[in-house]
Amino acid sequence: MTFAPSEQAAGNSTNEKLTRQKIPDILRNANLEAQDKNFGFAGSISPEDAWQLFIQGEAHLVDVRTAEERKFVGHVFNTFHIAWQTGPALIKNPRFLRELETKVSKDAVILLLCRSGKRSAAAAIAATAAGFTQVYNVREGFEGDLDDKQQRGRISGWRQRGLPWVQD
């Protein structure tokens, strides 16, 4: 598995330079918000900022949804997958932290993505408590918040924002 998407997806070199200058600000602002709101992890990042960090090779993107969600709803290519919860009853994966440690170092910038941002926030708290130092939650998740018809994918989230993804 490669660490980041292809260079073609990253865009031209002028945009890359501007984005690289913005990366420390993205993380710093997320850290400040997390301290202010007492998140229990490094911070929350917008889907667009998460994509920029990922394509620049500045962060690992870890999808914490179930295997079924990834398969049937879609996923971001070239990401790690470690389910936070498994099975129809969504039981917490007892191997989550061990699996995370086998994929990324404890001091790496880690972006966790789930359906709406709730499970990934819980996973970020657990990872931080286990000694991972730069764990961020991707706000809105892959499908986003529920709309007034109780449906996802229309008002927020990775897919609604038009960011790259694939479906099996």
C-alpha atoms as a PDB file:
ATOM      1  CA  MET A   1       0.000   0.000   0.000  1.00  0.00           C
ATOM      2  CA  THR A   2       1.350   3.418  -0.859  1.00  0.00           C
ATOM      3  CA  PHE A   3       1.368   6.201   1.704  1.00  0.00           C
ATOM      4  CA  ALA A   4      -0.342   8.846  -0.434  1.00  0.00           C
ATOM      5  CA  PRO A   5      -2.207   9.069  -3.740  1.00  0.00           C
ATOM      6  CA  SER A   6      -0.353   9.609  -6.981  1.00  0.00           C
ATOM      7  CA  GLU A   7       1.388  12.850  -7.781  1.00  0.00           C
ATOM      8  CA  GLN A   8      -1.189  13.468 -10.491  1.00  0.00           C
ATOM      9  CA  ALA A   9      -3.892  13.739  -7.825  1.00  0.00           C
ATOM     10  CA  ALA A  10      -1.801  16.253  -5.906  1.00  0.00           C
ATOM     11  CA  GLY A  11      -2.078  18.933  -8.587  1.00  0.00           C
ATOM     12  CA  ASN A  12       0.487  21.320 -10.009  1.00  0.00           C
ATOM     13  CA  SER A  13       3.629  22.470  -8.197  1.00  0.00           C
ATOM     14  CA  THR A  14       2.337  26.018  -7.522  1.00  0.00           C
ATOM     15  CA  ASN A  15      -0.680  24.641  -5.673  1.00  0.00           C
ATOM     16  CA  GLU A  16       1.555  22.152  -3.847  1.00  0.00           C
ATOM     17  CA  LYS A  17       3.826  24.961  -2.572  1.00  0.00           C
ATOM     18  CA  LEU A  18       0.854  27.002  -1.342  1.00  0.00           C
ATOM     19  CA  THR A  19      -0.634  23.959   0.347  1.00  0.00           C
ATOM     20  CA  ARG A  20       2.662  22.996   2.008  1.00  0.00           C
ATOM     21  CA  GLN A  21       2.850  26.494   3.510  1.00  0.00           C
ATOM     22  CA  LYS A  22      -0.677  26.045   4.870  1.00  0.00           C
ATOM     23  CA  ILE A  23      -0.078  22.628   6.513  1.00  0.00           C
ATOM     24  CA  PRO A  24       1.425  23.898   9.809  1.00  0.00           C
ATOM     25  CA  ASP A  25      -1.501  26.332  10.129  1.00  0.00           C
ATOM     26  CA  ILE A  26      -4.063  23.568   9.598  1.00  0.00           C
ATOM     27  CA  LEU A  27      -2.563  21.471  12.382  1.00  0.00           C
ATOM     28  CA  ARG A  28      -1.952  24.415  14.712  1.00  0.00           C
ATOM     29  CA  ASN A  29      -5.543  25.664  14.352  1.00  0.00           C
ATOM     30  CA  ALA A  30      -6.890  22.153  14.966  1.00  0.00           C
ATOM     31  CA  ASN A  31      -4.691  21.851  18.083  1.00  0.00           C
ATOM     32  CA  LEU A  32      -5.910  25.187  19.445  1.00  0.00           C
ATOM     33  CA  GLU A  33      -9.558  24.249  18.920  1.00  0.00           C
ATOM     34  CA  ALA A  34      -8.975  20.865  20.588  1.00  0.00           C
ATOM     35  CA  GLN A  35      -7.393  22.510  23.632  1.00  0.00           C
ATOM     36  CA  ASP A  36     -10.178  25.082  23.846  1.00  0.00           C
ATOM     37  CA  LYS A  37     -12.941  22.463  23.568  1.00  0.00           C
ATOM     38  CA  ASN A  38     -11.098  19.747  25.514  1.00  0.00           C
ATOM     39  CA  PHE A  39     -11.479  17.103  22.787  1.00  0.00           C
ATOM     40  CA  GLY A  40      -9.068  14.562  24.256  1.00  0.00           C
ATOM     41  CA  PHE A  41      -7.177  14.264  20.950  1.00  0.00           C
ATOM     42  CA  ALA A  42      -5.092  16.560  18.725  1.00  0.00           C
ATOM     43  CA  GLY A  43      -7.987  18.190  16.869  1.00  0.00           C
ATOM     44  CA  SER A  44     -10.619  18.062  14.142  1.00  0.00           C
ATOM     45  CA  ILE A  45      -9.813  18.699  10.498  1.00  0.00           C
ATOM     46  CA  SER A  46     -12.156  19.514   7.621  1.00  0.00           C
ATOM     47  CA  PRO A  47     -12.431  16.937   4.828  1.00  0.00           C
ATOM     48  CA  GLU A  48     -10.686  19.328   2.418  1.00  0.00           C
ATOM     49  CA  ASP A  49      -7.781  19.918   4.791  1.00  0.00           C
ATOM     50  CA  ALA A  50      -7.546  16.184   5.485  1.00  0.00           C
ATOM     51  CA  TRP A  51      -7.295  15.529   1.739  1.00  0.00           C
ATOM     52  CA  GLN A  52      -4.516  18.123   1.377  1.00  0.00           C
ATOM     53  CA  LEU A  53      -2.540  16.676   4.285  1.00  0.00           C
ATOM     54  CA  PHE A  54      -2.973  13.182   2.852  1.00  0.00           C
ATOM     55  CA  ILE A  55      -2.007  13.934  -0.757  1.00  0.00           C
ATOM     56  CA  GLN A  56       1.012  15.936   0.375  1.00  0.00           C
ATOM     57  CA  GLY A  57       2.217  12.908   2.333  1.00  0.00           C
ATOM     58  CA  GLU A  58       1.958  14.802   5.624  1.00  0.00           C
ATOM     59  CA  ALA A  59      -0.556  12.445   7.244  1.00  0.00           C
ATOM     60  CA  HIS A  60      -1.889   8.902   7.207  1.00  0.00           C
ATOM     61  CA  LEU A  61      -5.616   8.579   6.538  1.00  0.00           C
ATOM     62  CA  VAL A  62      -7.187   5.711   8.465  1.00  0.00           C
ATOM     63  CA  ASP A  63     -10.766   4.661   7.748  1.00  0.00           C
ATOM     64  CA  VAL A  64     -12.322   3.306  10.964  1.00  0.00           C
ATOM     65  CA  ARG A  65     -15.666   2.238   9.460  1.00  0.00           C
ATOM     66  CA  THR A  66     -16.669  -1.384   9.061  1.00  0.00           C
ATOM     67  CA  ALA A  67     -15.490  -3.390   6.063  1.00  0.00           C
ATOM     68  CA  GLU A  68     -19.094  -3.460   4.844  1.00  0.00           C
ATOM     69  CA  GLU A  69     -19.371   0.333   4.906  1.00  0.00           C
ATOM     70  CA  ARG A  70     -16.196   0.680   2.874  1.00  0.00           C
ATOM     71  CA  LYS A  71     -17.306  -1.919   0.350  1.00  0.00           C
ATOM     72  CA  PHE A  72     -20.896  -0.792  -0.182  1.00  0.00           C
ATOM     73  CA  VAL A  73     -20.705   2.968   0.460  1.00  0.00           C
ATOM     74  CA  GLY A  74     -17.217   3.692  -0.869  1.00  0.00           C
ATOM     75  CA  HIS A  75     -13.856   4.750   0.504  1.00  0.00           C
ATOM     76  CA  VAL A  76     -10.844   6.968  -0.113  1.00  0.00           C
ATOM     77  CA  PHE A  77      -8.244   5.061  -2.124  1.00  0.00           C
ATOM     78  CA  ASN A  78      -4.821   4.194  -0.713  1.00  0.00           C
ATOM     79  CA  THR A  79      -5.938   4.548   2.899  1.00  0.00           C
ATOM     80  CA  PHE A  80      -5.475   2.228   5.821  1.00  0.00           C
ATOM     81  CA  HIS A  81      -8.531   0.422   7.144  1.00  0.00           C
ATOM     82  CA  ILE A  82      -8.849  -0.472  10.807  1.00  0.00           C
ATOM     83  CA  ALA A  83     -12.425  -0.924  12.007  1.00  0.00           C
ATOM     84  CA  TRP A  84     -13.202   0.812  15.294  1.00  0.00           C
ATOM     85  CA  GLN A  85     -16.296  -1.362  15.672  1.00  0.00           C
ATOM     86  CA  THR A  86     -17.213  -4.631  13.971  1.00  0.00           C
ATOM     87  CA  GLY A  87     -20.178  -6.838  13.213  1.00  0.00           C
ATOM     88  CA  PRO A  88     -23.887  -6.047  13.014  1.00  0.00           C
ATOM     89  CA  ALA A  89     -23.957  -5.032  16.680  1.00  0.00           C
ATOM     90  CA  LEU A  90     -20.974  -2.686  16.177  1.00  0.00           C
ATOM     91  CA  ILE A  91     -18.926  -4.146  19.016  1.00  0.00           C
ATOM     92  CA  LYS A  92     -15.723  -2.232  19.748  1.00  0.00           C
ATOM     93  CA  ASN A  93     -12.775  -3.874  17.986  1.00  0.00           C
ATOM     94  CA  PRO A  94     -10.506  -5.091  20.827  1.00  0.00           C
ATOM     95  CA  ARG A  95      -7.524  -5.135  18.425  1.00  0.00           C
ATOM     96  CA  PHE A  96      -7.973  -1.564  17.161  1.00  0.00           C
ATOM     97  CA  LEU A  97      -5.005  -0.013  18.985  1.00  0.00           C
ATOM     98  CA  ARG A  98      -2.689  -2.929  18.227  1.00  0.00           C
ATOM     99  CA  GLU A  99      -3.649  -2.796  14.549  1.00  0.00           C
ATOM    100  CA  LEU A 100      -3.139   0.966  14.460  1.00  0.00           C
ATOM    101  CA  GLU A 101       0.318   0.580  15.965  1.00  0.00           C
ATOM    102  CA  THR A 102       1.293  -1.955  13.279  1.00  0.00           C
ATOM    103  CA  LYS A 103       0.312   0.486  10.505  1.00  0.00           C
ATOM    104  CA  VAL A 104       1.598   3.859  11.794  1.00  0.00           C
ATOM    105  CA  SER A 105       4.050   5.127  14.379  1.00  0.00           C
ATOM    106  CA  LYS A 106       2.813   6.720  17.574  1.00  0.00           C
ATOM    107  CA  ASP A 107       4.251  10.112  16.579  1.00  0.00           C
ATOM    108  CA  ALA A 108       2.838  10.168  13.014  1.00  0.00           C
ATOM    109  CA  VAL A 109       0.075  12.557  11.976  1.00  0.00           C
ATOM    110  CA  ILE A 110      -3.008  10.327  11.817  1.00  0.00           C
ATOM    111  CA  LEU A 111      -6.364  11.361  10.378  1.00  0.00           C
ATOM    112  CA  LEU A 112      -9.292   9.136  11.374  1.00  0.00           C
ATOM    113  CA  LEU A 113     -12.364   8.956   9.132  1.00  0.00           C
ATOM    114  CA  CYS A 114     -15.732   7.292   9.795  1.00  0.00           C
ATOM    115  CA  ARG A 115     -19.277   7.791   8.503  1.00  0.00           C
ATOM    116  CA  SER A 116     -20.119  11.045  10.318  1.00  0.00           C
ATOM    117  CA  GLY A 117     -17.141  11.886  12.553  1.00  0.00           C
ATOM    118  CA  LYS A 118     -18.490  10.373  15.774  1.00  0.00           C
ATOM    119  CA  ARG A 119     -16.803   6.943  15.795  1.00  0.00           C
ATOM    120  CA  SER A 120     -13.557   8.450  14.548  1.00  0.00           C
ATOM    121  CA  ALA A 121     -13.641  10.958  17.425  1.00  0.00           C
ATOM    122  CA  ALA A 122     -14.064   8.090  19.917  1.00  0.00           C
ATOM    123  CA  ALA A 123     -11.214   6.213  18.225  1.00  0.00           C
ATOM    124  CA  ALA A 124      -9.061   9.371  18.373  1.00  0.00           C
ATOM    125  CA  ILE A 125      -9.619   9.659  22.121  1.00  0.00           C
ATOM    126  CA  ALA A 126      -8.636   6.009  22.636  1.00  0.00           C
ATOM    127  CA  ALA A 127      -5.557   6.312  20.405  1.00  0.00           C
ATOM    128  CA  THR A 128      -4.426   9.467  22.201  1.00  0.00           C
ATOM    129  CA  ALA A 129      -4.868   7.770  25.582  1.00  0.00           C
ATOM    130  CA  ALA A 130      -2.737   4.893  24.253  1.00  0.00           C
ATOM    131  CA  GLY A 131       0.153   7.241  23.464  1.00  0.00           C
ATOM    132  CA  PHE A 132      -0.441   8.301  19.856  1.00  0.00           C
ATOM    133  CA  THR A 133       0.505  11.971  19.860  1.00  0.00           C
ATOM    134  CA  GLN A 134      -0.995  13.482  16.688  1.00  0.00           C
ATOM    135  CA  VAL A 135      -4.412  11.919  16.121  1.00  0.00           C
ATOM    136  CA  TYR A 136      -7.011  14.057  14.334  1.00  0.00           C
ATOM    137  CA  ASN A 137     -10.661  13.452  13.552  1.00  0.00           C
ATOM    138  CA  VAL A 138     -11.969  14.211  10.057  1.00  0.00           C
ATOM    139  CA  ARG A 139     -15.061  16.341  10.715  1.00  0.00           C
ATOM    140  CA  GLU A 140     -18.287  15.281   9.020  1.00  0.00           C
ATOM    141  CA  GLY A 141     -16.863  11.868   8.112  1.00  0.00           C
ATOM    142  CA  PHE A 142     -17.324  10.159   4.776  1.00  0.00           C
ATOM    143  CA  GLU A 143     -21.110  10.550   4.496  1.00  0.00           C
ATOM    144  CA  GLY A 144     -21.765  13.592   6.682  1.00  0.00           C
ATOM    145  CA  ASP A 145     -24.629  14.581   8.921  1.00  0.00           C
ATOM    146  CA  LEU A 146     -28.273  13.605   8.610  1.00  0.00           C
ATOM    147  CA  ASP A 147     -30.459  16.037   6.679  1.00  0.00           C
ATOM    148  CA  ASP A 148     -34.090  16.878   7.465  1.00  0.00           C
ATOM    149  CA  LYS A 149     -35.161  13.627   5.724  1.00  0.00           C
ATOM    150  CA  GLN A 150     -32.769  11.629   7.949  1.00  0.00           C
ATOM    151  CA  GLN A 151     -30.467  10.858   5.015  1.00  0.00           C
ATOM    152  CA  ARG A 152     -26.706  11.272   4.798  1.00  0.00           C
ATOM    153  CA  GLY A 153     -24.518  12.505   1.958  1.00  0.00           C
ATOM    154  CA  ARG A 154     -26.499  15.613   1.048  1.00  0.00           C
ATOM    155  CA  ILE A 155     -25.337  18.362   3.390  1.00  0.00           C
ATOM    156  CA  SER A 156     -21.803  17.493   4.471  1.00  0.00           C
ATOM    157  CA  GLY A 157     -19.075  14.871   4.434  1.00  0.00           C
ATOM    158  CA  TRP A 158     -16.211  13.733   2.239  1.00  0.00           C
ATOM    159  CA  ARG A 159     -18.393  12.572  -0.654  1.00  0.00           C
ATOM    160  CA  GLN A 160     -20.717  15.591  -0.633  1.00  0.00           C
ATOM    161  CA  ARG A 161     -17.716  17.907  -0.820  1.00  0.00           C
ATOM    162  CA  GLY A 162     -16.615  16.212  -4.043  1.00  0.00           C
ATOM    163  CA  LEU A 163     -13.347  14.828  -2.728  1.00  0.00           C
ATOM    164  CA  PRO A 164     -11.878  11.727  -4.433  1.00  0.00           C
ATOM    165  CA  TRP A 165     -13.224   8.313  -3.482  1.00  0.00           C
ATOM    166  CA  VAL A 166     -13.868   4.908  -5.050  1.00  0.00           C
ATOM    167  CA  GLN A 167     -16.431   2.168  -4.681  1.00  0.00           C
ATOM    168  CA  ASP A 168     -15.862  -1.592  -4.905  1.00  0.00           C
END
